């Protein structure tokens, strides 16, 4: 594993007839003054501030 590779776990709450939660994972890959996010999740204000401190953000969305 790469030393600067980070994973964050979040959940999506789905309300239909039943309430269910689906886990999601986001990878954060810093590279100098750039950061690549893979499969983004929603962050709170503290998470966004920490992300901004890492540098320029690029987003990569994987589709199946």
C-alpha atoms as a PDB file:
ATOM      1  CA  UNK A   1       0.000   0.000   0.000  1.00  0.00           C
ATOM      2  CA  UNK A   2       1.176   3.532  -0.687  1.00  0.00           C
ATOM      3  CA  UNK A   3       2.101   5.554   2.421  1.00  0.00           C
ATOM      4  CA  UNK A   4       0.110   8.631   1.310  1.00  0.00           C
ATOM      5  CA  UNK A   5      -3.050   6.796   0.264  1.00  0.00           C
ATOM      6  CA  UNK A   6      -6.057   7.438   2.526  1.00  0.00           C
ATOM      7  CA  UNK A   7      -9.540   5.917   2.665  1.00  0.00           C
ATOM      8  CA  UNK A   8     -12.679   7.484   4.120  1.00  0.00           C
ATOM      9  CA  UNK A   9     -15.921   5.615   4.719  1.00  0.00           C
ATOM     10  CA  UNK A  10     -19.372   7.185   4.555  1.00  0.00           C
ATOM     11  CA  UNK A  11     -22.990   6.110   4.239  1.00  0.00           C
ATOM     12  CA  UNK A  12     -25.906   6.919   1.990  1.00  0.00           C
ATOM     13  CA  UNK A  13     -29.279   6.794   3.669  1.00  0.00           C
ATOM     14  CA  UNK A  14     -32.068   5.543   1.395  1.00  0.00           C
ATOM     15  CA  UNK A  15     -35.671   6.052   2.430  1.00  0.00           C
ATOM     16  CA  UNK A  16     -38.276   4.198   0.437  1.00  0.00           C
ATOM     17  CA  UNK A  17     -40.601   1.786   2.202  1.00  0.00           C
ATOM     18  CA  UNK A  18     -37.670   0.772   4.384  1.00  0.00           C
ATOM     19  CA  UNK A  19     -34.818   2.870   5.664  1.00  0.00           C
ATOM     20  CA  UNK A  20     -31.494   1.393   4.677  1.00  0.00           C
ATOM     21  CA  UNK A  21     -27.912   2.576   4.666  1.00  0.00           C
ATOM     22  CA  UNK A  22     -25.320   1.810   2.012  1.00  0.00           C
ATOM     23  CA  UNK A  23     -21.635   2.180   2.829  1.00  0.00           C
ATOM     24  CA  UNK A  24     -19.357   4.076   0.439  1.00  0.00           C
ATOM     25  CA  UNK A  25     -15.599   4.487   0.384  1.00  0.00           C
ATOM     26  CA  UNK A  26     -13.517   7.365  -0.954  1.00  0.00           C
ATOM     27  CA  UNK A  27      -9.808   7.192  -1.723  1.00  0.00           C
ATOM     28  CA  UNK A  28      -7.644  10.295  -1.261  1.00  0.00           C
ATOM     29  CA  UNK A  29      -4.371  10.216  -3.205  1.00  0.00           C
ATOM     30  CA  UNK A  30      -2.058  13.185  -2.538  1.00  0.00           C
ATOM     31  CA  UNK A  31       0.675  13.958  -5.087  1.00  0.00           C
ATOM     32  CA  UNK A  32       2.675  17.069  -4.315  1.00  0.00           C
ATOM     33  CA  UNK A  33       0.285  20.044  -4.491  1.00  0.00           C
ATOM     34  CA  UNK A  34      -2.452  17.957  -6.142  1.00  0.00           C
ATOM     35  CA  UNK A  35      -4.975  15.604  -4.563  1.00  0.00           C
ATOM     36  CA  UNK A  36      -7.055  13.046  -6.445  1.00  0.00           C
ATOM     37  CA  UNK A  37     -10.353  11.870  -4.952  1.00  0.00           C
ATOM     38  CA  UNK A  38     -11.759   8.543  -6.141  1.00  0.00           C
ATOM     39  CA  UNK A  39     -15.495   7.860  -5.620  1.00  0.00           C
ATOM     40  CA  UNK A  40     -16.195  10.984  -3.582  1.00  0.00           C
ATOM     41  CA  UNK A  41     -18.359  11.083  -0.485  1.00  0.00           C
ATOM     42  CA  UNK A  42     -19.878  14.091   1.267  1.00  0.00           C
ATOM     43  CA  UNK A  43     -17.642  15.693   3.887  1.00  0.00           C
ATOM     44  CA  UNK A  44     -18.494  17.942   6.813  1.00  0.00           C
ATOM     45  CA  UNK A  45     -16.936  21.406   7.171  1.00  0.00           C
ATOM     46  CA  UNK A  46     -13.919  20.069   9.074  1.00  0.00           C
ATOM     47  CA  UNK A  47     -13.313  17.428   6.396  1.00  0.00           C
ATOM     48  CA  UNK A  48     -13.574  20.006   3.613  1.00  0.00           C
ATOM     49  CA  UNK A  49     -11.106  22.292   5.396  1.00  0.00           C
ATOM     50  CA  UNK A  50      -8.629  19.420   5.809  1.00  0.00           C
ATOM     51  CA  UNK A  51      -9.044  18.534   2.122  1.00  0.00           C
ATOM     52  CA  UNK A  52      -8.475  22.150   1.038  1.00  0.00           C
ATOM     53  CA  UNK A  53      -5.243  22.203   3.043  1.00  0.00           C
ATOM     54  CA  UNK A  54      -3.868  19.316   0.938  1.00  0.00           C
ATOM     55  CA  UNK A  55      -3.836  21.277  -2.348  1.00  0.00           C
ATOM     56  CA  UNK A  56      -5.595  21.349  -5.733  1.00  0.00           C
ATOM     57  CA  UNK A  57      -8.372  18.753  -5.896  1.00  0.00           C
ATOM     58  CA  UNK A  58      -9.079  16.468  -8.879  1.00  0.00           C
ATOM     59  CA  UNK A  59     -12.093  14.133  -8.837  1.00  0.00           C
ATOM     60  CA  UNK A  60     -12.185  10.685 -10.437  1.00  0.00           C
ATOM     61  CA  UNK A  61     -15.541   8.905 -10.557  1.00  0.00           C
ATOM     62  CA  UNK A  62     -15.492   5.185 -11.316  1.00  0.00           C
ATOM     63  CA  UNK A  63     -18.524   3.735 -13.068  1.00  0.00           C
ATOM     64  CA  UNK A  64     -19.564   0.132 -13.312  1.00  0.00           C
END
